[in-house]
């Protein structure tokens, strides 16, 4: 089974839902609207020729510069019979980060969706137990969104010289041997 065959079959059944497609390192990626994610996942699962019955991964992404599509969910599927992988992506506005749950189709989606909710704030409608999985329940922010700094600028227990930088961000070169 080739990526072209998979894409042709998806276009036959979901032509209006597909926004973009690409191929990177031999893996087909399809971007679609979020309303069609569950019908497409179901089709990929039940179609005997496609046979994508294994959800390898599900994760969130945040692109703050994509107005109206800042948050996204990426699904990695695997047809283990033919050893073929497929990536599905869908995006949504940060003001309304909701998408249907995939737990009815893939039980492995349960914890993956909880983690995505926990770190990105994406709400999976119909999830049986959508609550934080790694962060504290009292947390009101979603730490993997790019609006949060990578480092705490107020930390006093680190010295820039140990991280290869100085106060003016020039690299520190150790010339002593």
Protein backbone atom coordinates (compact mmCIF):
# COMPACT_ATOMS: atom_id res chain seq x y z
CA UNK A 1 0.00 0.00 0.00
CA UNK A 2 1.44 3.34 -1.03
CA UNK A 3 0.84 6.83 0.30
CA UNK A 4 -0.73 7.73 -3.04
CA UNK A 5 -3.26 4.90 -2.71
CA UNK A 6 -4.14 5.99 0.83
CA UNK A 7 -4.53 9.61 -0.23
CA UNK A 8 -6.68 8.70 -3.24
CA UNK A 9 -9.00 6.65 -1.04
CA UNK A 10 -9.26 9.50 1.48
CA UNK A 11 -9.97 12.02 -1.29
CA UNK A 12 -12.72 9.77 -2.68
CA UNK A 13 -14.49 9.76 0.69
CA UNK A 14 -13.44 13.05 2.33
CA UNK A 15 -12.60 15.45 -0.52
CA UNK A 16 -14.25 18.44 1.20
CA UNK A 17 -12.57 17.74 4.56
CA UNK A 18 -8.95 17.64 3.36
CA UNK A 19 -7.23 21.00 3.62
CA UNK A 20 -3.66 19.96 2.76
CA UNK A 21 -1.46 16.93 2.28
CA UNK A 22 2.27 16.41 2.35
CA UNK A 23 4.85 13.67 2.60
CA UNK A 24 7.87 13.88 4.86
CA UNK A 25 10.40 11.07 5.27
CA UNK A 26 7.98 8.69 3.58
CA UNK A 27 5.06 9.42 5.92
CA UNK A 28 1.86 10.86 4.50
CA UNK A 29 0.41 13.80 6.46
CA UNK A 30 -3.14 14.97 5.91
CA UNK A 31 -4.55 18.17 7.39
CA UNK A 32 -8.32 18.25 7.70
CA UNK A 33 -11.02 20.23 9.43
CA UNK A 34 -11.73 19.15 12.99
CA UNK A 35 -15.39 18.32 12.31
CA UNK A 36 -14.30 15.45 10.07
CA UNK A 37 -11.63 13.92 12.30
CA UNK A 38 -13.83 11.24 13.84
CA UNK A 39 -15.51 10.17 10.59
CA UNK A 40 -12.07 9.92 8.96
CA UNK A 41 -10.54 8.02 11.89
CA UNK A 42 -13.52 5.63 11.82
CA UNK A 43 -13.16 5.13 8.07
CA UNK A 44 -9.42 4.45 8.38
CA UNK A 45 -10.16 1.94 11.13
CA UNK A 46 -12.96 -0.06 9.49
CA UNK A 47 -11.80 -0.02 5.86
CA UNK A 48 -10.28 -3.46 5.23
CA UNK A 49 -7.73 -2.18 2.73
CA UNK A 50 -6.54 0.72 4.90
CA UNK A 51 -6.70 -1.13 8.25
CA UNK A 52 -5.32 1.67 10.49
CA UNK A 53 -6.23 0.05 13.81
CA UNK A 54 -3.35 1.29 15.97
CA UNK A 55 -3.12 4.81 17.37
CA UNK A 56 0.60 5.29 17.92
CA UNK A 57 0.41 8.81 19.29
CA UNK A 58 -1.86 11.78 19.77
CA UNK A 59 -0.46 15.15 20.79
CA UNK A 60 -1.18 18.85 20.81
CA UNK A 61 0.64 21.68 19.08
CA UNK A 62 0.54 25.45 19.50
CA UNK A 63 1.27 27.89 16.68
CA UNK A 64 0.45 31.31 18.18
CA UNK A 65 0.97 33.14 14.87
CA UNK A 66 -1.72 31.09 13.03
CA UNK A 67 -4.70 33.31 13.77
CA UNK A 68 -7.87 31.25 14.01
CA UNK A 69 -5.93 27.97 14.04
CA UNK A 70 -3.50 28.40 16.93
CA UNK A 71 -4.03 24.99 18.54
CA UNK A 72 -3.91 21.63 16.84
CA UNK A 73 -4.14 17.92 17.46
CA UNK A 74 -1.86 15.47 15.62
CA UNK A 75 -2.78 11.79 15.30
CA UNK A 76 -0.22 9.15 14.29
CA UNK A 77 -1.81 5.95 13.00
CA UNK A 78 -0.22 2.64 12.06
CA UNK A 79 -1.38 -0.13 9.77
CA UNK A 80 0.60 -2.94 11.36
CA UNK A 81 -0.30 -5.50 8.69
CA UNK A 82 1.37 -3.50 5.90
CA UNK A 83 3.68 -1.47 8.18
CA UNK A 84 2.34 1.85 6.92
CA UNK A 85 2.08 5.02 9.00
CA UNK A 86 -0.18 8.02 8.59
CA UNK A 87 -0.32 11.43 10.27
CA UNK A 88 -3.57 13.39 10.59
CA UNK A 89 -3.62 17.01 11.72
CA UNK A 90 -6.46 19.37 12.53
CA UNK A 91 -6.41 22.91 13.92
CA UNK A 92 -8.76 25.11 15.90
CA UNK A 93 -8.92 28.63 17.33
CA UNK A 94 -7.48 29.13 20.80
CA UNK A 95 -10.77 30.74 21.87
CA UNK A 96 -12.67 27.48 21.26
CA UNK A 97 -10.24 24.56 21.66
CA UNK A 98 -12.71 21.68 21.36
CA UNK A 99 -12.62 18.50 19.30
CA UNK A 100 -14.37 15.13 19.49
CA UNK A 101 -12.73 12.39 21.53
CA UNK A 102 -11.19 9.35 19.85
CA UNK A 103 -11.57 7.17 22.96
CA UNK A 104 -14.61 5.40 21.48
CA UNK A 105 -12.40 4.08 18.69
CA UNK A 106 -8.97 3.81 20.33
CA UNK A 107 -8.78 3.11 24.07
CA UNK A 108 -5.15 4.31 23.99
CA UNK A 109 -6.46 7.80 23.20
CA UNK A 110 -7.70 8.12 26.80
CA UNK A 111 -4.43 9.11 28.46
CA UNK A 112 -3.06 10.82 25.35
CA UNK A 113 -6.08 13.13 25.25
CA UNK A 114 -5.81 13.81 28.97
CA UNK A 115 -2.16 14.77 28.54
CA UNK A 116 -3.01 17.03 25.58
CA UNK A 117 -5.74 18.69 27.64
CA UNK A 118 -3.37 19.05 30.58
CA UNK A 119 -0.60 20.76 28.61
CA UNK A 120 -2.48 22.61 25.84
CA UNK A 121 -6.03 23.08 27.14
CA UNK A 122 -7.66 21.27 24.22
CA UNK A 123 -11.04 19.94 25.29
CA UNK A 124 -12.00 16.51 23.94
CA UNK A 125 -15.80 16.39 23.82
CA UNK A 126 -17.18 13.09 25.06
CA UNK A 127 -14.01 12.00 26.86
CA UNK A 128 -14.94 9.72 29.79
CA UNK A 129 -12.59 11.36 32.33
CA UNK A 130 -11.04 14.55 30.99
CA UNK A 131 -8.95 15.90 33.84
CA UNK A 132 -5.31 16.76 34.39
CA UNK A 133 -3.00 13.77 34.33
CA UNK A 134 0.47 15.16 35.13
CA UNK A 135 0.01 18.70 36.46
CA UNK A 136 -1.76 19.76 39.63
CA UNK A 137 -5.55 20.02 39.47
CA UNK A 138 -5.35 23.59 40.81
CA UNK A 139 -3.29 24.75 37.84
CA UNK A 140 -5.08 27.36 35.72
CA UNK A 141 -2.58 27.56 32.84
CA UNK A 142 -1.47 25.18 30.10
CA UNK A 143 2.34 25.05 30.25
CA UNK A 144 3.15 23.77 26.75
CA UNK A 145 1.59 26.76 25.06
CA UNK A 146 4.26 29.04 23.65
CA UNK A 147 3.00 32.01 25.65
CA UNK A 148 5.04 30.75 28.60
CA UNK A 149 8.82 31.32 28.81
CA UNK A 150 11.12 28.30 28.63
CA UNK A 151 13.09 29.47 31.64
CA UNK A 152 12.16 31.28 34.81
CA UNK A 153 13.85 34.70 34.52
CA UNK A 154 13.74 35.14 38.30
CA UNK A 155 15.75 32.04 39.25
CA UNK A 156 18.75 32.85 41.41
CA UNK A 157 20.23 29.33 41.61
CA UNK A 158 21.84 29.33 38.18
CA UNK A 159 24.71 31.21 36.64
CA UNK A 160 24.68 32.00 32.95
CA UNK A 161 28.34 31.07 32.58
CA UNK A 162 27.43 27.43 33.25
CA UNK A 163 24.91 27.48 30.38
CA UNK A 164 27.30 28.85 27.74
CA UNK A 165 26.15 32.43 27.84
CA UNK A 166 26.97 35.72 29.51
CA UNK A 167 24.80 38.64 30.50
CA UNK A 168 24.96 40.08 26.97
CA UNK A 169 24.19 36.61 25.46
CA UNK A 170 27.66 36.15 23.98
CA UNK A 171 28.98 32.63 24.18
CA UNK A 172 31.49 31.97 26.92
CA UNK A 173 34.57 30.19 25.65
CA UNK A 174 36.66 28.34 28.17
CA UNK A 175 40.27 28.84 27.12
CA UNK A 176 41.83 27.11 30.12
CA UNK A 177 42.93 23.55 29.63
